[in-house]
Protein backbone atom coordinates (compact mmCIF):
# COMPACT_ATOMS: atom_id res chain seq x y z
CA MET A 1 31.71 -31.37 58.34
CA GLY A 2 28.03 -32.18 57.94
CA LEU A 3 25.13 -30.92 60.00
CA PHE A 4 23.96 -33.29 62.76
CA LEU A 5 20.28 -33.14 63.68
CA LEU A 6 18.33 -34.40 66.63
CA GLN A 7 16.13 -37.38 65.91
CA ASN A 8 12.61 -36.42 64.80
CA LYS A 9 13.63 -32.79 64.43
CA LYS A 10 12.52 -31.62 60.99
CA HIS A 11 15.14 -29.97 58.83
CA ILE A 12 14.29 -27.66 55.94
CA ILE A 13 16.95 -26.64 53.41
CA ILE A 14 16.51 -23.66 51.11
CA VAL A 15 18.89 -23.37 48.15
CA GLY A 16 19.20 -19.79 46.94
CA ALA A 17 18.89 -16.47 48.80
CA GLY A 18 17.30 -14.32 46.13
CA TYR A 19 13.86 -12.77 46.49
CA ALA A 20 12.06 -16.13 46.79
CA GLY A 21 14.59 -18.02 48.92
CA LEU A 22 15.22 -15.26 51.44
CA HIS A 23 11.51 -14.58 51.79
CA ALA A 24 10.85 -18.29 52.39
CA ALA A 25 13.59 -18.45 55.04
CA ARG A 26 12.27 -15.42 56.92
CA LYS A 27 8.68 -16.65 56.79
CA LEU A 28 9.57 -20.18 57.94
CA SER A 29 11.72 -18.94 60.81
CA SER A 30 8.90 -16.76 62.12
CA SER A 31 6.25 -19.47 61.80
CA LEU A 32 7.83 -22.70 63.03
CA SER A 33 8.77 -23.89 66.51
CA LYS A 34 12.24 -24.82 67.70
CA ASP A 35 11.47 -28.42 66.73
CA THR A 36 12.33 -27.44 63.16
CA SER A 37 15.70 -26.25 61.87
CA ILE A 38 16.24 -24.22 58.71
CA THR A 39 19.37 -23.92 56.59
CA LEU A 40 19.69 -21.34 53.84
CA ILE A 41 22.44 -21.98 51.27
CA ASP A 42 23.83 -19.46 48.80
CA LYS A 43 27.18 -19.06 47.09
CA ASN A 44 27.16 -15.34 47.92
CA GLU A 45 27.15 -13.60 51.29
CA VAL A 46 24.84 -10.82 50.17
CA HIS A 47 21.23 -10.62 49.07
CA VAL A 48 21.12 -8.65 45.83
CA ARG A 49 17.91 -6.92 44.77
CA LEU A 50 18.22 -7.82 41.10
CA SER A 51 15.42 -5.51 39.97
CA GLU A 52 17.61 -2.56 41.03
CA ILE A 53 21.08 -3.57 39.78
CA TYR A 54 20.70 -1.61 36.55
CA GLU A 55 21.01 1.49 38.75
CA VAL A 56 24.54 0.40 39.65
CA ALA A 57 25.42 -0.25 36.00
CA VAL A 58 24.48 3.32 35.03
CA ASN A 59 26.05 5.03 38.05
CA ARG A 60 22.75 5.95 39.72
CA VAL A 61 23.59 4.33 43.09
CA GLU A 62 26.48 2.66 44.88
CA PRO A 63 26.60 -1.17 44.90
CA ARG A 64 26.07 -1.33 48.68
CA LEU A 65 22.58 0.13 48.21
CA VAL A 66 21.33 -2.90 46.29
CA ALA A 67 23.27 -5.65 48.11
CA THR A 68 23.11 -6.34 51.84
CA PRO A 69 24.49 -9.21 54.00
CA ILE A 70 22.20 -12.23 54.08
CA LYS A 71 22.96 -12.90 57.75
CA LYS A 72 21.43 -9.53 58.61
CA TYR A 73 18.01 -10.73 57.49
CA VAL A 74 17.79 -14.30 58.77
CA LYS A 75 16.98 -15.30 62.33
CA ARG A 76 16.61 -18.83 63.66
CA THR A 77 18.13 -19.85 60.34
CA SER A 78 21.59 -21.24 59.69
CA PHE A 79 23.20 -19.55 56.73
CA LEU A 80 25.73 -21.60 54.80
CA LYS A 81 27.87 -19.84 52.21
CA GLY A 82 28.63 -22.48 49.62
CA GLU A 83 27.85 -23.83 46.19
CA VAL A 84 25.56 -26.83 45.80
CA LYS A 85 27.36 -29.61 43.92
CA LYS A 86 24.85 -32.44 44.12
CA ILE A 87 21.38 -33.26 45.43
CA ASP A 88 20.41 -36.86 46.19
CA PHE A 89 16.62 -36.85 46.11
CA ILE A 90 16.39 -40.50 47.18
CA GLN A 91 18.60 -40.18 50.28
CA ARG A 92 17.47 -36.57 50.79
CA LYS A 93 20.95 -35.12 50.95
CA VAL A 94 22.36 -31.83 49.67
CA SER A 95 26.10 -31.75 49.00
CA THR A 96 27.96 -28.43 48.85
CA ASP A 97 31.65 -27.75 48.36
CA THR A 98 32.12 -28.06 52.16
CA ASP A 99 29.15 -29.96 53.67
CA ILE A 100 26.69 -32.81 53.24
CA LEU A 101 23.31 -32.02 54.78
CA ASN A 102 20.20 -34.15 55.29
CA TYR A 103 16.77 -32.65 54.77
CA ASP A 104 13.12 -33.48 55.37
CA TYR A 105 11.94 -30.70 53.08
CA LEU A 106 13.86 -28.92 50.35
CA ILE A 107 13.04 -25.61 48.68
CA LEU A 108 14.78 -24.90 45.39
CA ALA A 109 15.01 -21.16 44.79
CA VAL A 110 18.04 -21.19 42.51
CA GLY A 111 16.84 -18.36 40.29
CA SER A 112 17.79 -17.70 36.71
CA GLU A 113 20.57 -16.45 34.46
CA PRO A 114 20.91 -14.76 31.06
CA GLU A 115 19.69 -16.61 27.97
CA PHE A 116 21.92 -16.09 24.93
CA PHE A 117 19.78 -18.12 22.48
CA LYS A 118 22.93 -19.68 20.95
CA ILE A 119 23.59 -16.45 19.03
CA PRO A 120 27.29 -16.44 18.07
CA GLY A 121 29.44 -14.13 20.15
CA THR A 122 26.82 -13.05 22.68
CA ARG A 123 28.26 -14.98 25.59
CA GLU A 124 31.83 -13.98 24.80
CA HIS A 125 31.50 -10.36 23.70
CA SER A 126 28.31 -8.83 25.10
CA PHE A 127 27.78 -7.42 28.58
CA PRO A 128 24.97 -9.30 30.35
CA LEU A 129 23.31 -7.62 33.32
CA TRP A 130 22.32 -10.29 35.79
CA ASN A 131 24.36 -9.85 38.97
CA LEU A 132 26.22 -7.19 40.89
CA GLU A 133 29.55 -8.00 39.27
CA ASP A 134 27.94 -7.58 35.83
CA ALA A 135 26.65 -4.16 36.89
CA LYS A 136 30.05 -2.99 38.14
CA ARG A 137 31.72 -4.26 34.98
CA ILE A 138 29.26 -2.37 32.75
CA LYS A 139 29.66 0.86 34.74
CA ASP A 140 33.45 0.75 34.53
CA HIS A 141 33.38 -0.20 30.85
CA ILE A 142 31.02 2.62 29.83
CA GLU A 143 33.08 5.28 31.55
CA GLY A 144 36.20 3.68 30.08
CA MET A 145 34.77 4.21 26.58
CA PHE A 146 34.47 7.95 27.24
CA VAL A 147 38.01 8.08 28.61
CA SER A 148 39.33 6.30 25.50
CA ALA A 149 37.27 8.50 23.15
CA GLN A 150 38.71 11.62 24.76
CA GLU A 151 42.22 10.40 23.93
CA GLU A 152 41.50 8.88 20.49
CA GLN A 153 42.25 10.75 17.25
CA ASP A 154 40.82 8.33 14.68
CA ALA A 155 37.22 9.29 13.82
CA GLY A 156 36.17 5.71 13.05
CA LYS A 157 37.44 4.41 16.36
CA ILE A 158 35.77 7.30 18.22
CA ARG A 159 32.47 6.32 16.60
CA GLU A 160 32.88 2.72 17.79
CA LEU A 161 33.78 3.85 21.29
CA LEU A 162 30.77 6.18 21.61
CA ASN A 163 28.17 3.90 19.99
CA PHE A 164 26.31 1.94 22.64
CA VAL A 165 23.83 -0.85 21.87
CA VAL A 166 21.24 -2.16 24.31
CA CYS A 167 20.05 -5.56 23.11
CA CYS A 168 16.30 -6.09 23.75
CA GLY A 169 13.43 -3.71 24.36
CA GLY A 170 11.96 -5.57 27.33
CA LEU A 171 11.76 -4.30 30.90
CA THR A 172 15.48 -4.37 31.68
CA GLY A 173 16.52 -3.01 28.31
CA ILE A 174 14.18 -0.04 28.61
CA GLU A 175 15.32 0.80 32.13
CA VAL A 176 18.99 0.55 31.18
CA ALA A 177 18.55 2.68 28.05
CA GLY A 178 16.60 5.38 29.90
CA GLU A 179 19.22 5.72 32.62
CA MET A 180 22.17 5.49 30.21
CA ALA A 181 20.78 8.39 28.19
CA GLU A 182 20.75 10.56 31.30
CA TRP A 183 24.22 9.45 32.41
CA PHE A 184 25.65 10.21 28.99
CA VAL A 185 24.82 13.89 29.50
CA ALA A 186 26.99 13.97 32.61
CA LEU A 187 29.76 11.88 31.03
CA SER A 188 29.88 14.09 27.93
CA ARG A 189 30.29 17.13 30.14
CA LYS A 190 32.92 15.44 32.33
CA TYR A 191 35.12 14.33 29.40
CA ASN A 192 34.47 17.34 27.15
CA ILE A 193 32.79 15.25 24.44
CA SER A 194 29.98 16.59 22.28
CA LYS A 195 26.63 14.94 22.98
CA ASP A 196 26.17 14.63 19.21
CA GLN A 197 29.05 12.15 19.10
CA VAL A 198 27.33 9.76 21.52
CA ASN A 199 24.79 7.31 20.10
CA LEU A 200 22.56 4.97 22.09
CA ILE A 201 20.67 2.34 20.11
CA LEU A 202 17.95 0.06 21.50
CA VAL A 203 17.55 -3.08 19.38
CA GLU A 204 14.44 -5.28 19.61
CA ALA A 205 13.74 -8.44 17.59
CA LEU A 206 9.95 -8.16 17.88
CA ALA A 207 7.62 -5.71 16.19
CA ASP A 208 7.66 -3.35 19.17
CA ILE A 209 9.23 -2.76 22.57
CA LEU A 210 7.58 -3.77 25.88
CA PRO A 211 5.46 -6.51 24.26
CA THR A 212 3.43 -7.22 27.42
CA PHE A 213 2.37 -3.58 27.91
CA ARG A 214 -0.70 -1.86 26.51
CA PRO A 215 -0.12 0.04 23.23
CA SER A 216 -0.72 3.45 24.81
CA LEU A 217 2.10 2.89 27.29
CA VAL A 218 4.40 1.53 24.59
CA ASP A 219 3.86 4.71 22.57
CA LYS A 220 4.60 6.89 25.58
CA SER A 221 7.73 4.91 26.36
CA LYS A 222 9.05 5.30 22.82
CA ARG A 223 8.34 9.03 22.88
CA ILE A 224 10.28 9.54 26.12
CA LEU A 225 13.19 7.39 24.95
CA ARG A 226 13.46 9.33 21.70
CA LEU A 227 13.33 12.64 23.56
CA LYS A 228 16.32 11.36 25.55
CA GLY A 229 18.15 10.66 22.30
CA VAL A 230 17.67 6.89 22.13
CA GLN A 231 17.41 5.37 18.65
CA ILE A 232 14.90 2.51 18.59
CA MET A 233 15.21 -0.34 16.10
CA VAL A 234 12.41 -2.93 16.07
CA ASN A 235 12.00 -6.02 13.85
CA SER A 236 15.77 -6.30 14.15
CA PRO A 237 16.89 -9.73 15.40
CA ILE A 238 20.55 -9.93 16.35
CA THR A 239 22.50 -12.68 14.60
CA ARG A 240 26.03 -12.09 15.90
CA VAL A 241 27.97 -10.06 18.43
CA SER A 242 31.66 -9.34 17.97
CA PRO A 243 34.11 -7.22 19.98
CA ASN A 244 33.41 -4.20 17.75
CA TYR A 245 30.01 -4.69 16.13
CA VAL A 246 26.50 -6.11 16.52
CA GLU A 247 25.17 -7.76 13.36
CA LEU A 248 21.45 -7.80 12.57
CA LYS A 249 19.44 -10.28 10.51
CA SER A 250 19.18 -7.66 7.77
CA GLY A 251 22.97 -7.80 7.41
CA GLU A 252 23.47 -4.35 8.92
CA LYS A 253 26.36 -4.02 11.36
CA LEU A 254 26.15 -1.59 14.26
CA MET A 255 29.73 -0.61 15.01
CA THR A 256 30.19 -0.63 18.77
CA ARG A 257 32.41 -1.87 21.55
CA THR A 258 29.52 -1.95 24.00
CA SER A 259 26.58 -4.32 23.55
CA ILE A 260 24.56 -4.72 26.73
CA TRP A 261 22.64 -8.00 26.69
CA ALA A 262 19.17 -7.87 28.24
CA ALA A 263 17.43 -10.27 25.86
CA GLY A 264 15.89 -12.83 28.16
CA ILE A 265 16.56 -15.28 30.95
CA CYS A 266 16.51 -19.01 31.57
CA ALA A 267 16.53 -20.98 34.79
CA ASN A 268 19.86 -21.48 36.55
CA ARG A 269 22.10 -24.04 34.82
CA ILE A 270 22.58 -25.92 38.09
CA ILE A 271 19.22 -27.49 37.26
CA ASP A 272 20.89 -29.38 34.40
CA SER A 273 22.64 -31.63 36.91
CA LEU A 274 19.62 -32.41 39.09
CA GLY A 275 17.81 -34.86 36.82
CA LEU A 276 14.42 -33.19 37.31
CA LYS A 277 11.68 -32.71 34.72
CA THR A 278 12.07 -29.28 33.16
CA PHE A 279 10.03 -27.13 30.80
CA GLY A 280 10.35 -23.79 29.01
CA ARG A 281 13.95 -22.58 29.27
CA ASN A 282 15.00 -25.14 31.86
CA ARG A 283 12.45 -24.36 34.59
CA ILE A 284 11.54 -27.11 37.08
CA GLY A 285 8.10 -28.63 36.67
CA VAL A 286 5.84 -28.25 39.71
CA ASN A 287 2.26 -29.21 40.58
CA LYS A 288 -0.50 -26.95 41.87
CA TYR A 289 1.09 -26.97 45.35
CA LEU A 290 4.53 -26.06 43.92
CA GLN A 291 5.87 -29.54 44.68
CA VAL A 292 8.47 -30.87 42.25
CA THR A 293 7.32 -33.68 39.99
CA ASP A 294 8.04 -37.11 41.58
CA HIS A 295 9.43 -35.51 44.78
CA PRO A 296 6.59 -34.20 46.99
CA GLU A 297 8.98 -33.17 49.78
CA VAL A 298 10.77 -30.82 47.35
CA TYR A 299 9.36 -27.44 46.31
CA ALA A 300 10.54 -25.10 43.54
CA ILE A 301 9.80 -21.39 43.78
CA GLY A 302 10.66 -18.15 42.03
CA ASP A 303 12.22 -17.92 38.58
CA CYS A 304 13.28 -21.58 38.47
CA ALA A 305 9.72 -22.94 38.88
CA TYR A 306 7.60 -23.76 35.84
CA PHE A 307 3.99 -23.17 36.84
CA THR A 308 1.23 -22.63 34.30
CA THR A 309 -1.67 -20.29 35.02
CA ASP A 310 -5.31 -21.10 34.29
CA ASP A 311 -4.96 -19.92 30.70
CA GLY A 312 -1.96 -22.21 30.15
CA THR A 313 0.74 -19.53 30.12
CA PRO A 314 3.88 -19.90 32.26
CA LEU A 315 4.10 -17.82 35.41
CA PRO A 316 6.11 -14.66 34.63
CA GLN A 317 9.53 -14.37 36.22
CA PHE A 318 8.70 -11.29 38.30
CA VAL A 319 9.60 -10.37 41.88
CA GLU A 320 5.92 -10.45 42.85
CA ALA A 321 5.60 -14.02 41.56
CA ALA A 322 8.76 -15.04 43.43
CA LEU A 323 7.39 -13.76 46.74
CA GLN A 324 3.98 -15.34 46.17
CA THR A 325 5.42 -18.75 45.34
CA ALA A 326 7.59 -18.55 48.46
CA ASP A 327 4.49 -17.80 50.56
CA CYS A 328 2.63 -20.77 49.11
CA ALA A 329 5.50 -23.24 49.50
CA VAL A 330 6.07 -22.16 53.11
CA HIS A 331 2.37 -22.53 53.88
CA ASN A 332 2.32 -26.04 52.45
CA ILE A 333 5.43 -27.22 54.28
CA ILE A 334 4.06 -25.91 57.57
CA ALA A 335 0.73 -27.55 56.80
CA GLU A 336 2.41 -30.91 56.22
CA ILE A 337 4.43 -30.66 59.41
CA LYS A 338 1.32 -29.79 61.41
CA GLY A 339 -0.92 -32.31 59.67
CA LYS A 340 -3.12 -29.70 58.00
CA SER A 341 -4.31 -29.22 54.43
CA LYS A 342 -2.11 -27.72 51.77
CA LYS A 343 -3.33 -24.94 49.49
CA GLU A 344 -3.05 -24.53 45.75
CA TYR A 345 -0.98 -21.71 44.37
CA ARG A 346 -3.18 -19.00 42.85
CA PRO A 347 -1.10 -16.30 41.14
CA LYS A 348 -2.16 -12.71 41.68
CA ILE A 349 0.20 -10.63 39.57
CA HIS A 350 -0.75 -6.98 39.84
CA GLY A 351 1.15 -5.57 36.91
CA THR A 352 4.48 -4.03 36.05
CA VAL A 353 6.20 -0.68 36.39
CA VAL A 354 9.17 0.22 34.19
CA SER A 355 11.21 3.38 34.69
CA ILE A 356 12.67 5.39 31.82
CA GLY A 357 15.32 7.48 33.47
CA SER A 358 15.17 8.93 36.95
CA LYS A 359 11.93 10.90 36.71
CA TYR A 360 9.62 9.05 34.33
CA ALA A 361 7.99 5.62 34.36
CA VAL A 362 5.04 3.74 32.91
CA ALA A 363 2.87 1.39 34.94
CA ASP A 364 0.45 -1.26 33.72
CA ILE A 365 -1.58 -2.36 36.75
CA VAL A 366 -4.07 -5.24 36.50
CA GLY A 367 -6.32 -7.30 38.74
CA LEU A 368 -7.68 -4.42 40.82
CA PRO A 369 -11.02 -5.02 42.64
CA PHE A 370 -14.02 -3.61 40.74
CA ILE A 371 -11.76 -1.75 38.28
CA GLY A 372 -9.75 -4.46 36.57
CA GLY A 373 -6.76 -2.45 35.47
CA LEU A 374 -5.24 1.01 35.32
CA THR A 375 -2.33 2.63 33.51
CA PHE A 376 -0.09 5.35 34.88
CA SER A 377 2.77 7.29 33.38
CA GLY A 378 5.14 10.05 34.35
CA PHE A 379 5.89 11.08 37.92
CA LEU A 380 2.96 9.13 39.38
CA ALA A 381 4.22 5.87 37.90
CA MET A 382 7.75 6.65 39.11
CA LEU A 383 6.41 7.26 42.60
CA LEU A 384 4.58 3.95 42.43
CA LYS A 385 7.80 2.14 41.54
CA HIS A 386 9.63 3.73 44.46
CA LEU A 387 6.80 2.75 46.80
CA PHE A 388 6.94 -0.87 45.60
CA ASN A 389 10.68 -1.04 46.26
CA ILE A 390 10.37 0.62 49.67
CA TYR A 391 7.50 -1.70 50.57
CA TYR A 392 9.70 -4.71 49.84
CA VAL A 393 12.57 -3.35 51.93
CA ILE A 394 10.30 -2.68 54.91
CA ARG A 395 7.85 -5.59 54.75
CA ASP A 396 10.04 -8.38 53.43
CA LEU A 397 13.43 -7.38 54.79
CA GLY A 398 12.24 -5.45 57.85
CA ASP A 399 14.96 -2.85 57.22
CA VAL A 400 13.64 0.65 57.91
CA GLY A 401 17.15 2.13 57.76
CA LEU A 402 17.63 0.78 54.25
CA ALA A 403 14.28 2.29 53.26
CA PHE A 404 15.51 5.75 54.30
CA GLU A 405 18.74 5.19 52.36
CA TYR A 406 16.66 4.22 49.34
CA ILE A 407 14.65 7.46 49.53
CA TYR A 408 17.77 9.59 49.91
CA SER A 409 19.75 7.92 47.12
CA ARG A 410 16.93 7.75 44.53
CA VAL A 411 14.86 10.83 45.29
CA LEU A 412 16.81 13.41 47.30
CA SER A 413 20.39 13.15 46.04
CA ASN A 414 21.98 13.38 42.61
CA ARG A 415 25.00 11.08 42.40
CA ARG A 416 25.81 12.36 38.94
C-alpha cells in the first residue's frame, strides 16, 4: 500500500541509511515543520558504521557494537524497510518491493560496494569486507582455518590454511592487516599452533602502501606492520584469485585459502538501473549544489555522488565527506521550501587516521587554520581516531550510551 499525503504537504524521500542518509534524515526532521513529511528507505533495519566493521572481522568487537536499529535514531521520520526497485523521475515516484511513494524532493544516499576490477575469481573466491555479513563471514572463516590446521597432517595443506592474504594496501587493508596480526597471536595460542607457521601477506599493486599519505607516515606504517609480522608486497598487481591461491602479475602464486579483498569501491549497482549520468566508477553526477544532472529536485550525497573539487579531483569517499554532503543537501532543500537561497558545496576534508592494530595509528591531518597540516603517529593518533568515532556517535547519533560502550569495548576491555 502506498503512502497518501495531504495536498500541498511536501514529502522528502531519502534512499539509504548509511552515514549520509541517516544524517540527512536526522537533520531534516529537526529543521522542518510538520508541513513536511520525511521517509527514509533502507533494505536493512540497522545502521552499520562501515568504518568500524573490520573490528568485527578480526574479533575485536561484537557485531552489535557497530550496528544499531535505524528506528532508534530517527524521529518525525517514517522508516520503510524495503529495497528500491524503480525510480520514476518524471512522475516523481519511488517503487520498493512493497510500496509506491510520491516525492517532492529525493535524496539518493545509496552508498557503494566493492570494486573487483574484472579480475578473474575475485568476486567468487575472495572475501570482500563491505557489510556486517561480510565481517562475520571473515571472522568465522579465519578461525575455521586455525581449527582445520590443528587437525591437518599434510604440511602443504597446513601452509595453505595458515597463509592469509590481504589484497590492497589502502586504508581498509592496513587496518585489517594490523588487527589480524594481533589476533593471530591469540589464535595460535588457543589452537596450539606455532606463530612461525602463520603468514600474513599484504599485497599492493602500486609502488607503496597508503598512497594518499605523506611518505614519513607510510614509512612508519610499514615499520609497525613488519614488527607485527606482516609481509608487504608492493608493485604486485593481482591477476587472479582461486580457492587456494592468489596469482600476481609476475606469475607468482601465493598459496592461500583466505584472500581478503579491500582493493577499492564503486558506487552501488542500483544506480545502473536509474538512467542517470554517471562518472568515475558509477557515481552520480551532481552540480555545485549536489543536485542530480537534469533533475534539480533530486540530490545525491555520500559515496554515490560524483563531485569534483576545485582542483578537478573527485571528492573522496570518506565518512567526513558523506556527512558534509548531507548537510549541504539538507540546507538546499530547506532553502527551496522556504524560498531562500541555496549554497554551494565546499568540501572541507580534514585528513585521515588509519589504525594499525589496537594501540597504534597514523594520522594525516590537513586544512588546519594557520598551520595547514599536521601528522601524528602512535598512541596520540590512536586516541584521535577514538575521539572521531565517539564524536560521531554523540553528535550525529545522539547516543551517549553507545559512546560509553565504545570506550569500554575498544579501550578498557580485551575481547581476545
